[in-house]
């Protein structure tokens, strides 16, 4: 079983779906400040941003890749 899924189930956490528009907006937001995230890692960032506004609890996300690889040709 993938470690992320195991942690989700053991913690009683919540999985959240994110649409492509929100992913790409979050992909661009940190890039403007010099943090390059791959779109798949931007999903985690988008969810944290949304959940932190509405949740009174701990919000944890894991980003596993940077966008730097896409810049190197």
C-alpha atoms as a PDB file:
ATOM      1  CA  UNK A   1       0.000   0.000   0.000  1.00  0.00           C
ATOM      2  CA  UNK A   2       1.360   3.485  -0.807  1.00  0.00           C
ATOM      3  CA  UNK A   3       2.664   5.302   2.266  1.00  0.00           C
ATOM      4  CA  UNK A   4       0.511   8.384   1.593  1.00  0.00           C
ATOM      5  CA  UNK A   5      -2.682   6.339   1.426  1.00  0.00           C
ATOM      6  CA  UNK A   6      -1.719   4.429   4.552  1.00  0.00           C
ATOM      7  CA  UNK A   7      -1.108   7.700   6.427  1.00  0.00           C
ATOM      8  CA  UNK A   8      -4.459   9.072   5.214  1.00  0.00           C
ATOM      9  CA  UNK A   9      -6.363   6.044   6.474  1.00  0.00           C
ATOM     10  CA  UNK A  10      -4.493   5.734   9.772  1.00  0.00           C
ATOM     11  CA  UNK A  11      -4.920   9.404  10.600  1.00  0.00           C
ATOM     12  CA  UNK A  12      -8.588   9.620   9.661  1.00  0.00           C
ATOM     13  CA  UNK A  13      -7.579  12.354   7.213  1.00  0.00           C
ATOM     14  CA  UNK A  14      -9.402  13.680   4.183  1.00  0.00           C
ATOM     15  CA  UNK A  15      -8.553  13.426   0.499  1.00  0.00           C
ATOM     16  CA  UNK A  16      -9.506  16.415  -1.660  1.00  0.00           C
ATOM     17  CA  UNK A  17      -9.974  16.694  -5.432  1.00  0.00           C
ATOM     18  CA  UNK A  18      -8.569  19.782  -7.182  1.00  0.00           C
ATOM     19  CA  UNK A  19      -9.515  20.920 -10.687  1.00  0.00           C
ATOM     20  CA  UNK A  20      -6.965  21.762 -13.368  1.00  0.00           C
ATOM     21  CA  UNK A  21      -7.577  25.514 -13.156  1.00  0.00           C
ATOM     22  CA  UNK A  22      -6.789  25.583  -9.428  1.00  0.00           C
ATOM     23  CA  UNK A  23      -3.711  23.411  -9.956  1.00  0.00           C
ATOM     24  CA  UNK A  24      -2.251  25.666 -12.619  1.00  0.00           C
ATOM     25  CA  UNK A  25      -3.049  28.824 -10.630  1.00  0.00           C
ATOM     26  CA  UNK A  26      -1.190  27.349  -7.654  1.00  0.00           C
ATOM     27  CA  UNK A  27       1.634  26.259  -9.955  1.00  0.00           C
ATOM     28  CA  UNK A  28       2.106  29.896 -11.050  1.00  0.00           C
ATOM     29  CA  UNK A  29       1.654  31.549  -7.610  1.00  0.00           C
ATOM     30  CA  UNK A  30       4.829  30.266  -5.897  1.00  0.00           C
ATOM     31  CA  UNK A  31       6.782  30.464  -9.181  1.00  0.00           C
ATOM     32  CA  UNK A  32       6.281  34.229  -9.085  1.00  0.00           C
ATOM     33  CA  UNK A  33       8.198  34.154  -5.769  1.00  0.00           C
ATOM     34  CA  UNK A  34      10.940  31.822  -7.026  1.00  0.00           C
ATOM     35  CA  UNK A  35       9.589  28.463  -5.820  1.00  0.00           C
ATOM     36  CA  UNK A  36       9.243  26.080  -8.739  1.00  0.00           C
ATOM     37  CA  UNK A  37       6.703  23.324  -8.151  1.00  0.00           C
ATOM     38  CA  UNK A  38       5.708  20.644 -10.599  1.00  0.00           C
ATOM     39  CA  UNK A  39       1.923  20.818 -11.162  1.00  0.00           C
ATOM     40  CA  UNK A  40       1.462  17.549  -9.254  1.00  0.00           C
ATOM     41  CA  UNK A  41       3.077  19.149  -6.183  1.00  0.00           C
ATOM     42  CA  UNK A  42       1.038  22.303  -6.693  1.00  0.00           C
ATOM     43  CA  UNK A  43      -2.041  20.174  -5.949  1.00  0.00           C
ATOM     44  CA  UNK A  44      -0.832  19.773  -2.363  1.00  0.00           C
ATOM     45  CA  UNK A  45      -0.139  23.472  -2.062  1.00  0.00           C
ATOM     46  CA  UNK A  46      -3.591  24.389  -3.449  1.00  0.00           C
ATOM     47  CA  UNK A  47      -5.326  22.079  -0.983  1.00  0.00           C
ATOM     48  CA  UNK A  48      -3.339  23.401   1.982  1.00  0.00           C
ATOM     49  CA  UNK A  49      -4.184  26.971   1.013  1.00  0.00           C
ATOM     50  CA  UNK A  50      -7.921  26.182   0.768  1.00  0.00           C
ATOM     51  CA  UNK A  51      -8.096  23.941   3.845  1.00  0.00           C
ATOM     52  CA  UNK A  52      -6.109  26.333   6.033  1.00  0.00           C
ATOM     53  CA  UNK A  53      -8.774  28.991   5.432  1.00  0.00           C
ATOM     54  CA  UNK A  54     -11.650  26.740   6.495  1.00  0.00           C
ATOM     55  CA  UNK A  55     -10.133  24.217   8.890  1.00  0.00           C
ATOM     56  CA  UNK A  56      -9.420  24.820  12.509  1.00  0.00           C
ATOM     57  CA  UNK A  57      -7.118  21.812  12.559  1.00  0.00           C
ATOM     58  CA  UNK A  58      -3.761  20.734  11.302  1.00  0.00           C
ATOM     59  CA  UNK A  59      -3.340  20.676   7.514  1.00  0.00           C
ATOM     60  CA  UNK A  60      -0.487  18.613   6.068  1.00  0.00           C
ATOM     61  CA  UNK A  61       0.466  18.210   2.429  1.00  0.00           C
ATOM     62  CA  UNK A  62       3.342  16.460   0.720  1.00  0.00           C
ATOM     63  CA  UNK A  63       4.909  17.842  -2.436  1.00  0.00           C
ATOM     64  CA  UNK A  64       7.292  15.416  -4.078  1.00  0.00           C
ATOM     65  CA  UNK A  65       8.676  17.205  -7.126  1.00  0.00           C
ATOM     66  CA  UNK A  66       9.987  20.561  -8.250  1.00  0.00           C
ATOM     67  CA  UNK A  67       9.436  22.268 -11.563  1.00  0.00           C
ATOM     68  CA  UNK A  68      13.174  22.632 -12.153  1.00  0.00           C
ATOM     69  CA  UNK A  69      13.399  19.442 -14.210  1.00  0.00           C
ATOM     70  CA  UNK A  70      11.032  20.953 -16.803  1.00  0.00           C
ATOM     71  CA  UNK A  71      13.323  23.952 -17.271  1.00  0.00           C
ATOM     72  CA  UNK A  72      16.388  21.900 -18.140  1.00  0.00           C
ATOM     73  CA  UNK A  73      16.399  20.870 -21.756  1.00  0.00           C
END
